[in-house]
Amino acid sequence: MLCHSSRKSSYLISCTAFALLLLLVVYPAFTVLLESLRPSGVWGLASYGRLFEGPRFASIIGSSMGVALAGGLAASLLGGTLAVIVIKTNAPFRRLMGVAALLPIILPGFVSSIAYIFLFGRNGLVTYQWLGISWDVYSWKSVLVLQVVDQSTTAFLLGVAALRNIDPALEEVAGSLGAGSWRILRTITFALASPLGVAAFLLNVMHSMSDFGTPLVVGGPFDTLASASYTQLIGKYDASMASTLNMTLLAFCLLAYAGYALLESRFGRTQVMDQSKPVKRLPLGGWPGRAVWFLCMVFCLFMLALLASVLLAAFTKRMGGDYAPTLMYFESVATRGFESARNTLLFSLMVGFLAALGGQVLAYLVKRMRIPGAGALDIMATLPFAVPGTFIGVGYALAFNRPPLVLTGTWAIIVLNLVIRKLPMGLRAGASVLARQDRAQEEASLSLGASMLRTFFRVILPSVRTAMLAGGLYAFVSAVQSLGSIIFIITPGTRLLSVDVFEAVVRGDVGQAAALSVIMLAMAGFGAACFAAATTMNRKSNEAIRTPADILGQR
């Protein structure tokens, strides 16, 4: 039983957590809702009526859904195919394909868009320099291609998790009964992995709907709900219409997330698994096997080409014209981009620390202490995962630009925005650790008279420090690349590299954009390498942190 002082401390911490989440999650969301219902200061549904009055906004909704559904399906199939080749076969270059499938983790969508223009634009290296053709790269087709490439990582990670959790005995029995590799793959492997495949599709649809940078960079006249909300708020200063578009976007994303959560609750914990046995390899021969391998190899080369083109544009005088080596773009970055690089590093470090610690605290409150209202606390902390970045950005821009709490122009609004966006990962990682951790040491500490707070800091945190390090590093990498949720609240004193890259692309300064991208990729790559090392250390120490694949696959 908890003593009176421990119970009092636990309730104080719980109330503080509720208050912070109400302020940082619910209050901005409520502000967006109110703004959408009050166009020109008059209460009503006029803004929602404008969505269907003319063809423009209705076509934006239709185009957003069309690209999201097509891109989500294609990305899920591509990521699943890569997972099968990497995990279930001994195909040549499969490890390189696995690395290429993970490149979007450090290569965000708007940077991929820059590289895509370098390679396939009107004066692109491939289209114009090599093939002698010129075509309009700015269309919905480019948005679809880049979203498929970017989101294939989600499907790949979930596919890897599903394939590694299948008991190889089932496939071995089928093989001993005369089933061929393709039949085993179709009737057993795919059947067991299909729930996570559908979950990957729903997540990809949600992320595609929320994508902000790609349509603005390569979409041309093509608009989505996320990019149109930016145009309405920043270009036309129409906060009411921007809020209405984001409320519509939120409805679609919550619908996709509800389907994902339902799948996870029904199938996420019932997969057959036997970790003591290695994954069974399946020789996928014949022309179908060669076709699948060729498709994966094309994707691999495409990803490596995107990365190489960014480096080439950053270290040469003029991409597509003069390939003489130069550092002139980095020299200008040293003067004009130093503050952005410093802010990016400092803010991302703070986000990583706060997201990891905050996630562990919330997991302890929800999973161990089981405080009153734990379910509501869990929902509020998880909600930012399903909420589009532009929705949170607009919410913070409107909510914290007026009393009672004015944060506009400060570093705090940037850090808090990013922490809230990354908090769900810290919470799920912490919950996974606590679910598998032995409670003997914790109960011994409490029985010897230690308070709940002291037990948390002296027993719980030290036992999961490697897990927290991994979660914090992953939040750091994500924060370095963030754009959609912060571009609405950036000021000259709080500029970040991601925003500078985006603005350099918009004004056509591709060399500057590439140099800034290289610095940003170096930060993200270093964080990703540290994350990989931390997860390896964590597995060796038998702590129960999950990889990004497991976290994406868990509600």
Protein backbone atom coordinates (compact mmCIF):
# COMPACT_ATOMS: atom_id res chain seq x y z
CA MET A 1 0.00 0.00 0.00
CA LEU A 2 1.16 3.53 -0.69
CA CYS A 3 1.75 5.84 2.22
CA HIS A 4 -0.14 9.12 2.46
CA SER A 5 2.83 11.23 1.24
CA SER A 6 3.44 8.93 -1.75
CA ARG A 7 -0.23 9.03 -2.70
CA LYS A 8 -0.22 12.81 -2.40
CA SER A 9 2.89 13.09 -4.60
CA SER A 10 1.42 10.77 -7.21
CA TYR A 11 -1.79 12.80 -7.40
CA LEU A 12 0.21 16.03 -7.69
CA ILE A 13 2.24 14.62 -10.58
CA SER A 14 -0.93 13.30 -12.23
CA CYS A 15 -2.69 16.66 -11.99
CA THR A 16 0.37 18.39 -13.42
CA ALA A 17 0.46 15.97 -16.36
CA PHE A 18 -3.25 16.49 -17.03
CA ALA A 19 -2.86 20.28 -16.87
CA LEU A 20 0.10 20.30 -19.28
CA LEU A 21 -1.63 18.06 -21.82
CA LEU A 22 -4.82 20.09 -21.61
CA LEU A 23 -2.79 23.23 -22.25
CA LEU A 24 -0.52 21.88 -24.99
CA VAL A 25 -2.83 19.44 -26.80
CA VAL A 26 -6.50 20.16 -26.11
CA TYR A 27 -6.35 23.96 -25.93
CA PRO A 28 -4.69 24.47 -29.38
CA ALA A 29 -7.06 21.93 -30.95
CA PHE A 30 -10.07 23.67 -29.42
CA THR A 31 -8.74 27.01 -30.68
CA VAL A 32 -8.61 25.70 -34.27
CA LEU A 33 -12.17 24.42 -33.95
CA LEU A 34 -13.45 27.76 -32.64
CA GLU A 35 -11.61 29.69 -35.36
CA SER A 36 -13.21 27.53 -38.07
CA LEU A 37 -16.64 28.34 -36.63
CA ARG A 38 -16.06 32.11 -36.48
CA PRO A 39 -15.18 33.50 -39.93
CA SER A 40 -14.91 37.30 -39.88
CA GLY A 41 -15.93 37.27 -36.22
CA VAL A 42 -19.40 35.83 -36.93
CA TRP A 43 -20.33 32.43 -35.52
CA GLY A 44 -21.53 29.87 -38.05
CA LEU A 45 -20.61 27.22 -40.61
CA ALA A 46 -19.84 29.64 -43.42
CA SER A 47 -16.24 28.44 -43.76
CA TYR A 48 -17.35 24.84 -44.08
CA GLY A 49 -19.91 25.90 -46.66
CA ARG A 50 -17.14 27.48 -48.74
CA LEU A 51 -15.52 24.05 -49.08
CA PHE A 52 -18.27 22.97 -51.43
CA GLU A 53 -19.45 26.25 -52.94
CA GLY A 54 -16.90 26.25 -55.73
CA PRO A 55 -14.82 23.60 -57.42
CA ARG A 56 -11.46 24.64 -55.91
CA PHE A 57 -11.73 23.40 -52.34
CA ALA A 58 -13.81 20.37 -53.31
CA SER A 59 -11.11 19.38 -55.81
CA ILE A 60 -8.46 19.84 -53.12
CA ILE A 61 -10.29 17.38 -50.87
CA GLY A 62 -10.67 14.92 -53.74
CA SER A 63 -7.04 15.21 -54.85
CA SER A 64 -5.78 14.80 -51.28
CA MET A 65 -7.79 11.62 -50.82
CA GLY A 66 -6.86 10.24 -54.24
CA VAL A 67 -3.12 10.70 -53.83
CA ALA A 68 -3.25 9.49 -50.22
CA LEU A 69 -5.08 6.27 -51.10
CA ALA A 70 -2.96 5.53 -54.17
CA GLY A 71 0.28 6.45 -52.42
CA GLY A 72 -0.61 4.53 -49.27
CA LEU A 73 -1.35 1.38 -51.26
CA ALA A 74 1.76 1.64 -53.43
CA ALA A 75 4.02 2.42 -50.45
CA SER A 76 2.62 -0.51 -48.48
CA LEU A 77 3.20 -2.92 -51.37
CA LEU A 78 6.71 -1.57 -51.98
CA GLY A 79 7.70 -1.63 -48.31
CA GLY A 80 6.25 -5.11 -47.83
CA THR A 81 8.11 -6.38 -50.90
CA LEU A 82 11.38 -4.96 -49.58
CA ALA A 83 10.76 -6.61 -46.21
CA VAL A 84 10.22 -10.00 -47.87
CA ILE A 85 13.40 -9.70 -49.95
CA VAL A 86 15.52 -8.55 -46.99
CA ILE A 87 14.16 -10.93 -44.33
CA LYS A 88 12.95 -14.03 -46.18
CA THR A 89 15.49 -14.48 -49.00
CA ASN A 90 19.21 -14.66 -49.64
CA ALA A 91 18.95 -12.38 -52.68
CA PRO A 92 22.05 -10.42 -53.75
CA PHE A 93 22.35 -6.90 -52.33
CA ARG A 94 19.50 -7.49 -49.87
CA ARG A 95 21.41 -5.73 -47.08
CA LEU A 96 21.92 -2.71 -49.32
CA MET A 97 18.20 -2.75 -50.06
CA GLY A 98 17.51 -2.74 -46.32
CA VAL A 99 19.74 0.31 -45.88
CA ALA A 100 18.01 2.07 -48.78
CA ALA A 101 14.60 1.33 -47.24
CA LEU A 102 15.71 3.13 -44.07
CA LEU A 103 17.17 6.18 -45.82
CA PRO A 104 13.90 8.20 -45.61
CA ILE A 105 14.40 8.25 -41.83
CA ILE A 106 17.24 10.74 -42.32
CA LEU A 107 16.10 12.04 -45.74
CA PRO A 108 12.83 13.94 -45.15
CA GLY A 109 10.28 14.40 -47.88
CA PHE A 110 11.08 18.02 -48.73
CA VAL A 111 14.81 17.19 -49.10
CA SER A 112 13.90 14.23 -51.35
CA SER A 113 11.85 16.71 -53.38
CA ILE A 114 14.94 18.87 -53.93
CA ALA A 115 16.96 15.87 -55.04
CA TYR A 116 14.14 14.75 -57.31
CA ILE A 117 14.17 18.14 -59.06
CA PHE A 118 17.97 17.90 -59.46
CA LEU A 119 17.61 14.52 -61.19
CA PHE A 120 14.33 14.77 -63.11
CA GLY A 121 13.53 18.47 -63.42
CA ARG A 122 13.49 20.53 -66.61
CA ASN A 123 17.30 20.72 -66.49
CA GLY A 124 17.66 17.48 -64.54
CA LEU A 125 20.76 15.32 -64.64
CA VAL A 126 18.84 12.24 -65.79
CA THR A 127 16.03 13.71 -67.90
CA TYR A 128 17.83 16.58 -69.67
CA GLN A 129 21.57 15.88 -69.39
CA TRP A 130 21.46 12.13 -70.06
CA LEU A 131 18.21 11.48 -71.92
CA GLY A 132 17.80 14.85 -73.63
CA ILE A 133 14.16 15.28 -72.66
CA SER A 134 12.45 18.06 -70.78
CA TRP A 135 9.20 17.55 -68.94
CA ASP A 136 7.16 19.33 -66.31
CA VAL A 137 8.22 17.84 -63.01
CA TYR A 138 5.77 19.97 -61.03
CA SER A 139 2.59 17.90 -60.88
CA TRP A 140 0.63 15.44 -58.77
CA LYS A 141 2.63 12.58 -60.31
CA SER A 142 5.83 13.79 -58.67
CA VAL A 143 4.02 14.17 -55.35
CA LEU A 144 2.75 10.60 -55.63
CA VAL A 145 6.19 9.18 -56.49
CA LEU A 146 7.95 10.95 -53.63
CA GLN A 147 5.27 10.09 -51.08
CA VAL A 148 5.47 6.41 -52.06
CA VAL A 149 9.25 6.48 -51.65
CA ASP A 150 9.11 8.35 -48.35
CA GLN A 151 6.36 6.25 -46.76
CA SER A 152 7.68 2.87 -47.87
CA THR A 153 9.87 2.92 -44.74
CA THR A 154 6.82 2.59 -42.49
CA ALA A 155 5.60 -0.46 -44.41
CA PHE A 156 9.12 -1.89 -44.47
CA LEU A 157 9.56 -1.60 -40.70
CA LEU A 158 6.15 -3.07 -39.96
CA GLY A 159 6.78 -5.81 -42.52
CA VAL A 160 10.10 -6.70 -40.90
CA ALA A 161 8.43 -6.85 -37.49
CA ALA A 162 5.65 -9.10 -38.84
CA LEU A 163 7.97 -11.48 -40.70
CA ARG A 164 10.31 -11.88 -37.74
CA ASN A 165 7.38 -12.75 -35.47
CA ILE A 166 6.11 -15.62 -37.62
CA ASP A 167 6.90 -19.05 -36.25
CA PRO A 168 9.13 -20.72 -38.89
CA ALA A 169 7.71 -24.11 -37.89
CA LEU A 170 4.50 -23.32 -39.78
CA GLU A 171 6.41 -22.65 -42.99
CA GLU A 172 8.61 -25.70 -42.47
CA VAL A 173 5.58 -27.95 -42.09
CA ALA A 174 4.06 -26.54 -45.27
CA GLY A 175 7.33 -27.14 -47.11
CA SER A 176 7.55 -30.73 -45.86
CA LEU A 177 4.07 -31.33 -47.24
CA GLY A 178 5.22 -30.28 -50.71
CA ALA A 179 4.24 -26.61 -50.87
CA GLY A 180 6.55 -24.43 -52.95
CA SER A 181 8.12 -21.18 -51.80
CA TRP A 182 5.57 -18.94 -53.52
CA ARG A 183 2.65 -20.94 -52.14
CA ILE A 184 4.11 -20.81 -48.60
CA LEU A 185 4.58 -17.09 -48.99
CA ARG A 186 1.02 -16.57 -50.23
CA THR A 187 -0.92 -18.91 -47.91
CA ILE A 188 1.06 -18.68 -44.65
CA THR A 189 3.49 -15.75 -44.56
CA PHE A 190 1.21 -13.15 -46.14
CA ALA A 191 -1.83 -14.43 -44.26
CA LEU A 192 -0.12 -13.97 -40.88
CA ALA A 193 1.44 -10.64 -41.82
CA SER A 194 -1.63 -9.15 -43.53
CA PRO A 195 -3.02 -7.31 -40.44
CA LEU A 196 0.21 -5.31 -40.14
CA GLY A 197 0.12 -4.75 -43.90
CA VAL A 198 -3.31 -3.16 -43.62
CA ALA A 199 -2.09 -1.17 -40.61
CA ALA A 200 0.83 0.10 -42.70
CA PHE A 201 -1.61 1.16 -45.44
CA LEU A 202 -3.73 3.15 -42.98
CA LEU A 203 -0.67 4.82 -41.45
CA ASN A 204 0.62 5.71 -44.90
CA VAL A 205 -2.74 7.20 -45.88
CA MET A 206 -2.69 9.28 -42.70
CA HIS A 207 0.88 10.49 -43.30
CA SER A 208 0.19 11.22 -46.96
CA MET A 209 -2.81 13.37 -46.07
CA SER A 210 -0.62 15.24 -43.56
CA ASP A 211 2.33 15.75 -45.92
CA PHE A 212 3.07 19.43 -46.21
CA GLY A 213 6.44 19.97 -47.86
CA THR A 214 6.25 17.66 -50.88
CA PRO A 215 3.14 19.21 -52.53
CA LEU A 216 4.48 22.73 -52.02
CA VAL A 217 7.91 21.91 -53.50
CA VAL A 218 7.02 19.69 -56.49
CA GLY A 219 3.22 19.89 -56.67
CA GLY A 220 3.03 23.01 -58.84
CA PRO A 221 -0.69 23.74 -59.33
CA PHE A 222 -1.56 20.57 -57.41
CA ASP A 223 -2.79 21.30 -53.88
CA THR A 224 -3.63 19.19 -50.84
CA LEU A 225 -5.43 20.05 -47.63
CA ALA A 226 -2.13 20.47 -45.77
CA SER A 227 -0.47 22.69 -48.38
CA ALA A 228 -3.65 24.70 -48.97
CA SER A 229 -3.92 25.48 -45.26
CA TYR A 230 -0.42 26.99 -45.40
CA THR A 231 -1.40 29.13 -48.39
CA GLN A 232 -4.56 30.33 -46.66
CA LEU A 233 -2.83 31.32 -43.42
CA ILE A 234 0.57 32.58 -44.61
CA GLY A 235 -0.37 33.80 -48.11
CA LYS A 236 -3.91 35.12 -47.62
CA TYR A 237 -4.01 35.62 -43.82
CA ASP A 238 -7.31 33.74 -43.70
CA ALA A 239 -7.07 32.01 -40.33
CA SER A 240 -10.68 30.84 -40.44
CA MET A 241 -10.29 29.01 -43.78
CA ALA A 242 -6.93 27.57 -42.73
CA SER A 243 -8.58 26.23 -39.57
CA THR A 244 -11.48 24.79 -41.58
CA LEU A 245 -9.12 22.97 -43.94
CA ASN A 246 -7.19 21.59 -40.99
CA MET A 247 -10.37 20.42 -39.26
CA THR A 248 -11.31 18.58 -42.45
CA LEU A 249 -7.82 17.11 -42.65
CA LEU A 250 -8.03 16.07 -39.00
CA ALA A 251 -11.27 14.19 -39.62
CA PHE A 252 -9.67 12.06 -42.37
CA CYS A 253 -6.54 11.38 -40.31
CA LEU A 254 -8.52 10.38 -37.21
CA LEU A 255 -10.63 8.04 -39.33
CA ALA A 256 -7.49 6.35 -40.68
CA TYR A 257 -5.96 6.17 -37.21
CA ALA A 258 -9.13 4.66 -35.75
CA GLY A 259 -8.91 1.86 -38.33
CA TYR A 260 -5.25 1.33 -37.48
CA ALA A 261 -5.96 1.23 -33.74
CA LEU A 262 -8.76 -1.26 -34.27
CA LEU A 263 -6.47 -3.55 -36.26
CA GLU A 264 -3.75 -3.30 -33.66
CA SER A 265 -6.13 -4.09 -30.80
CA ARG A 266 -7.46 -7.17 -32.59
CA PHE A 267 -4.30 -8.54 -34.20
CA GLY A 268 -1.31 -6.68 -32.76
CA ARG A 269 -0.76 -9.00 -29.83
CA THR A 270 -1.85 -12.34 -31.27
CA GLN A 271 0.87 -13.06 -33.79
CA VAL A 272 2.46 -16.48 -33.67
CA MET A 273 6.12 -16.21 -32.79
CA ASP A 274 9.08 -18.30 -31.70
CA GLN A 275 12.15 -16.15 -31.16
CA SER A 276 14.38 -19.17 -30.47
CA LYS A 277 14.30 -20.20 -34.14
CA PRO A 278 15.84 -18.32 -37.06
CA VAL A 279 13.68 -16.85 -39.81
CA LYS A 280 13.04 -19.39 -42.55
CA ARG A 281 14.49 -18.36 -45.90
CA LEU A 282 12.39 -18.88 -49.01
CA PRO A 283 14.08 -19.18 -52.43
CA LEU A 284 11.86 -17.07 -54.70
CA GLY A 285 12.89 -18.33 -58.10
CA GLY A 286 11.53 -17.95 -61.60
CA TRP A 287 10.67 -14.78 -63.45
CA PRO A 288 8.39 -13.47 -60.61
CA GLY A 289 11.31 -13.66 -58.20
CA ARG A 290 13.62 -11.87 -60.63
CA ALA A 291 10.98 -9.21 -61.28
CA VAL A 292 10.52 -8.56 -57.55
CA TRP A 293 14.29 -8.37 -57.03
CA PHE A 294 14.62 -5.96 -59.96
CA LEU A 295 11.89 -3.70 -58.55
CA CYS A 296 13.63 -3.57 -55.18
CA MET A 297 16.97 -2.87 -56.87
CA VAL A 298 15.46 0.03 -58.82
CA PHE A 299 14.13 1.49 -55.56
CA CYS A 300 17.55 1.05 -53.95
CA LEU A 301 19.35 2.85 -56.78
CA PHE A 302 16.70 5.59 -56.79
CA MET A 303 17.20 6.29 -53.07
CA LEU A 304 20.98 6.31 -53.39
CA ALA A 305 20.68 8.64 -56.38
CA LEU A 306 18.54 11.06 -54.37
CA LEU A 307 21.13 11.16 -51.60
CA ALA A 308 24.04 11.50 -54.04
CA SER A 309 22.36 14.33 -55.93
CA VAL A 310 21.97 16.40 -52.76
CA LEU A 311 25.68 15.94 -52.01
CA LEU A 312 26.61 16.75 -55.62
CA ALA A 313 24.55 19.94 -55.64
CA ALA A 314 26.07 21.06 -52.34
CA PHE A 315 29.71 20.53 -53.36
CA THR A 316 29.67 21.64 -57.01
CA LYS A 317 29.26 25.10 -58.51
CA ARG A 318 26.11 24.47 -60.52
CA MET A 319 24.15 21.26 -60.66
CA GLY A 320 23.56 20.32 -64.30
CA GLY A 321 26.08 22.82 -65.66
CA ASP A 322 29.37 23.29 -63.84
CA TYR A 323 30.51 20.34 -61.71
CA ALA A 324 33.71 21.98 -60.47
CA PRO A 325 34.16 21.27 -56.72
CA THR A 326 33.44 24.17 -54.41
CA LEU A 327 32.63 25.03 -50.81
CA MET A 328 31.10 28.41 -51.56
CA TYR A 329 27.62 27.37 -50.46
CA PHE A 330 28.94 26.23 -47.10
CA GLU A 331 30.84 29.49 -46.70
CA SER A 332 27.59 31.41 -46.97
CA VAL A 333 25.96 28.94 -44.57
CA ALA A 334 28.67 29.72 -42.02
CA THR A 335 27.48 33.32 -41.93
CA ARG A 336 23.77 33.25 -42.81
CA GLY A 337 22.87 29.76 -41.61
CA PHE A 338 24.85 29.52 -38.38
CA GLU A 339 21.99 30.66 -36.17
CA SER A 340 19.58 28.17 -37.79
CA ALA A 341 22.05 25.31 -37.36
CA ARG A 342 22.62 26.24 -33.73
CA ASN A 343 18.90 26.49 -33.03
CA THR A 344 18.23 23.18 -34.75
CA LEU A 345 20.86 21.38 -32.68
CA LEU A 346 19.87 22.94 -29.35
CA PHE A 347 16.11 22.64 -29.83
CA SER A 348 16.36 19.05 -31.06
CA LEU A 349 18.51 18.05 -28.08
CA MET A 350 15.94 19.56 -25.73
CA VAL A 351 13.13 17.80 -27.59
CA GLY A 352 14.90 14.46 -27.39
CA PHE A 353 15.48 14.77 -23.64
CA LEU A 354 11.99 16.04 -22.79
CA ALA A 355 10.18 13.55 -25.06
CA ALA A 356 12.09 10.59 -23.59
CA LEU A 357 11.64 11.69 -19.97
CA GLY A 358 8.06 12.86 -20.43
CA GLY A 359 7.12 9.65 -22.21
CA GLN A 360 8.56 7.54 -19.41
CA VAL A 361 6.76 9.59 -16.74
CA LEU A 362 3.44 9.27 -18.56
CA ALA A 363 3.96 5.54 -19.12
CA TYR A 364 4.61 5.10 -15.40
CA LEU A 365 1.48 7.05 -14.49
CA VAL A 366 -0.72 5.17 -16.96
CA LYS A 367 0.68 1.63 -16.80
CA ARG A 368 2.01 1.27 -13.25
CA MET A 369 0.24 3.71 -10.98
CA ARG A 370 -3.08 3.40 -12.89
CA ILE A 371 -4.21 6.79 -11.67
CA PRO A 372 -7.85 7.93 -12.02
CA GLY A 373 -8.37 9.08 -15.59
CA ALA A 374 -5.41 7.07 -16.89
CA GLY A 375 -7.31 6.29 -20.08
CA ALA A 376 -7.98 9.95 -20.80
CA LEU A 377 -4.34 10.80 -20.09
CA ASP A 378 -3.23 8.06 -22.47
CA ILE A 379 -5.53 9.34 -25.24
CA MET A 380 -4.42 12.95 -24.86
CA ALA A 381 -0.73 11.97 -24.96
CA THR A 382 -1.22 9.68 -27.98
CA LEU A 383 -3.45 12.07 -29.95
CA PRO A 384 -0.59 14.11 -31.51
CA PHE A 385 0.51 10.98 -33.39
CA ALA A 386 -2.75 11.03 -35.36
CA VAL A 387 -3.07 14.81 -35.62
CA PRO A 388 -1.52 16.39 -38.77
CA GLY A 389 1.49 18.59 -38.22
CA THR A 390 -0.14 21.56 -39.92
CA PHE A 391 -3.11 21.26 -37.54
CA ILE A 392 -0.83 21.49 -34.50
CA GLY A 393 1.14 24.31 -36.12
CA VAL A 394 -1.96 26.38 -36.85
CA GLY A 395 -3.30 25.58 -33.36
CA TYR A 396 -0.14 26.85 -31.67
CA ALA A 397 0.00 29.92 -33.91
CA LEU A 398 -3.57 30.88 -32.94
CA ALA A 399 -3.65 29.75 -29.30
CA PHE A 400 -0.34 31.15 -28.06
CA ASN A 401 -0.47 34.44 -29.90
CA ARG A 402 -2.95 35.92 -27.44
CA PRO A 403 -3.57 36.00 -23.67
CA PRO A 404 -3.62 34.20 -21.31
CA LEU A 405 -0.35 32.66 -22.55
CA VAL A 406 1.68 34.43 -25.23
CA LEU A 407 4.60 32.35 -26.50
CA THR A 408 4.91 33.59 -30.08
CA GLY A 409 8.48 34.54 -30.92
CA THR A 410 10.06 32.49 -28.14
CA TRP A 411 12.07 29.28 -28.31
CA ALA A 412 9.61 27.69 -25.87
CA ILE A 413 6.78 27.49 -28.41
CA ILE A 414 9.04 25.65 -30.89
CA VAL A 415 10.32 23.16 -28.30
CA LEU A 416 6.89 22.52 -26.78
CA ASN A 417 5.37 22.01 -30.22
CA LEU A 418 8.02 19.44 -31.16
CA VAL A 419 7.91 17.69 -27.77
CA ILE A 420 4.15 17.19 -28.06
CA ARG A 421 4.62 15.80 -31.58
CA LYS A 422 7.25 13.28 -30.41
CA LEU A 423 5.70 12.44 -27.04
CA PRO A 424 3.60 9.48 -28.31
CA MET A 425 6.77 7.61 -29.26
CA GLY A 426 8.29 8.15 -25.82
CA LEU A 427 5.05 7.04 -24.19
CA ARG A 428 4.77 3.83 -26.25
CA ALA A 429 8.44 2.99 -25.78
CA GLY A 430 8.11 3.53 -22.03
CA ALA A 431 4.93 1.44 -21.86
CA SER A 432 6.67 -1.37 -23.72
CA VAL A 433 9.56 -1.32 -21.24
CA LEU A 434 7.35 -1.31 -18.15
CA ALA A 435 5.13 -4.09 -19.52
CA ARG A 436 8.10 -6.49 -19.58
CA GLN A 437 10.03 -5.28 -16.56
CA ASP A 438 10.16 -7.22 -13.30
CA ARG A 439 8.46 -5.25 -10.51
CA ALA A 440 10.43 -6.88 -7.67
CA GLN A 441 12.95 -4.05 -7.25
CA GLU A 442 10.23 -1.40 -7.42
CA GLU A 443 8.10 -3.18 -4.81
CA ALA A 444 11.15 -3.67 -2.58
CA SER A 445 11.91 0.04 -2.73
CA LEU A 446 8.32 0.95 -1.81
CA SER A 447 8.18 -1.62 1.01
CA LEU A 448 11.35 -0.12 2.53
CA GLY A 449 9.64 3.26 2.81
CA ALA A 450 10.84 5.05 -0.33
CA SER A 451 8.32 7.40 -1.89
CA MET A 452 6.84 6.76 -5.32
CA LEU A 453 8.79 9.73 -6.68
CA ARG A 454 12.08 8.53 -5.21
CA THR A 455 11.44 5.00 -6.49
CA PHE A 456 10.80 6.34 -9.97
CA PHE A 457 14.06 8.31 -10.13
CA ARG A 458 16.27 5.83 -8.25
CA VAL A 459 14.90 2.49 -9.49
CA ILE A 460 12.80 2.86 -12.64
CA LEU A 461 14.82 5.41 -14.61
CA PRO A 462 18.25 3.75 -14.12
CA SER A 463 16.84 0.42 -15.26
CA VAL A 464 15.54 1.85 -18.53
CA ARG A 465 18.21 4.45 -19.25
CA THR A 466 19.33 2.78 -22.50
CA ALA A 467 15.72 2.54 -23.65
CA MET A 468 15.21 6.23 -22.88
CA LEU A 469 18.41 7.07 -24.75
CA ALA A 470 17.14 5.26 -27.84
CA GLY A 471 13.75 6.98 -27.65
CA GLY A 472 15.36 10.37 -27.10
CA LEU A 473 17.67 9.93 -30.07
CA TYR A 474 14.78 8.97 -32.31
CA ALA A 475 12.91 12.08 -31.17
CA PHE A 476 16.06 14.11 -31.86
CA VAL A 477 16.27 12.81 -35.45
CA SER A 478 12.59 13.55 -36.05
CA ALA A 479 12.89 17.05 -34.59
CA VAL A 480 15.83 17.92 -36.85
CA GLN A 481 13.65 17.24 -39.90
CA SER A 482 10.36 18.74 -38.69
CA LEU A 483 8.72 21.31 -40.94
CA GLY A 484 4.92 21.19 -41.14
CA SER A 485 4.16 21.76 -37.47
CA ILE A 486 6.66 24.59 -36.92
CA ILE A 487 6.63 26.67 -40.10
CA PHE A 488 3.57 28.59 -38.84
CA ILE A 489 5.31 29.67 -35.62
CA ILE A 490 8.86 30.38 -36.80
CA THR A 491 10.24 33.90 -36.27
CA PRO A 492 13.60 35.42 -37.31
CA GLY A 493 15.04 34.62 -33.88
CA THR A 494 13.91 30.98 -33.86
CA ARG A 495 14.76 29.88 -37.40
CA LEU A 496 15.60 26.22 -38.04
CA LEU A 497 17.47 24.45 -40.83
CA SER A 498 14.37 22.70 -42.16
CA VAL A 499 12.60 26.04 -42.68
CA ASP A 500 15.70 27.58 -44.28
CA VAL A 501 15.92 24.64 -46.70
CA PHE A 502 12.27 25.01 -47.63
CA GLU A 503 12.54 28.76 -48.22
CA ALA A 504 15.74 28.35 -50.26
CA VAL A 505 13.94 25.92 -52.56
CA VAL A 506 10.98 28.27 -52.94
CA ARG A 507 13.21 31.15 -54.02
CA GLY A 508 15.23 28.87 -56.37
CA ASP A 509 18.55 28.90 -54.48
CA VAL A 510 19.23 25.19 -55.00
CA GLY A 511 22.90 25.29 -54.02
CA GLN A 512 22.13 26.95 -50.71
CA ALA A 513 19.27 24.50 -50.13
CA ALA A 514 21.55 21.53 -50.81
CA ALA A 515 24.27 22.80 -48.47
CA LEU A 516 21.76 23.37 -45.67
CA SER A 517 20.30 19.92 -46.37
CA VAL A 518 23.73 18.31 -46.01
CA ILE A 519 24.17 19.89 -42.58
CA MET A 520 20.71 18.77 -41.55
CA LEU A 521 21.32 15.25 -42.89
CA ALA A 522 24.61 15.10 -40.98
CA MET A 523 22.80 15.89 -37.73
CA ALA A 524 20.02 13.39 -38.46
CA GLY A 525 22.50 10.73 -39.61
CA PHE A 526 24.59 11.09 -36.46
CA GLY A 527 21.47 10.80 -34.34
CA ALA A 528 20.29 7.75 -36.31
CA ALA A 529 23.69 6.06 -35.88
CA CYS A 530 23.59 6.70 -32.14
CA PHE A 531 20.03 5.38 -32.05
CA ALA A 532 21.12 2.16 -33.76
CA ALA A 533 23.98 1.78 -31.26
CA ALA A 534 21.64 2.44 -28.33
CA THR A 535 19.12 -0.16 -29.48
CA THR A 536 21.95 -2.68 -29.92
CA MET A 537 23.21 -1.98 -26.39
CA ASN A 538 19.64 -2.26 -25.16
CA ARG A 539 19.15 -5.70 -26.66
CA LYS A 540 22.40 -6.91 -25.13
CA SER A 541 21.32 -5.69 -21.70
CA ASN A 542 17.89 -7.39 -22.14
CA GLU A 543 15.91 -4.20 -21.67
CA ALA A 544 12.59 -4.27 -23.41
CA ILE A 545 12.79 -1.26 -25.70
CA ARG A 546 11.19 -1.78 -29.06
CA THR A 547 12.56 -0.73 -32.40
CA PRO A 548 10.79 1.91 -34.50
CA ALA A 549 9.02 -0.93 -36.31
CA ASP A 550 7.52 -2.20 -33.08
CA ILE A 551 6.55 1.26 -31.91
CA LEU A 552 4.86 2.04 -35.22
CA GLY A 553 3.02 -1.22 -34.93
CA GLN A 554 1.77 -0.53 -31.40
CA ARG A 555 -1.02 1.83 -30.50
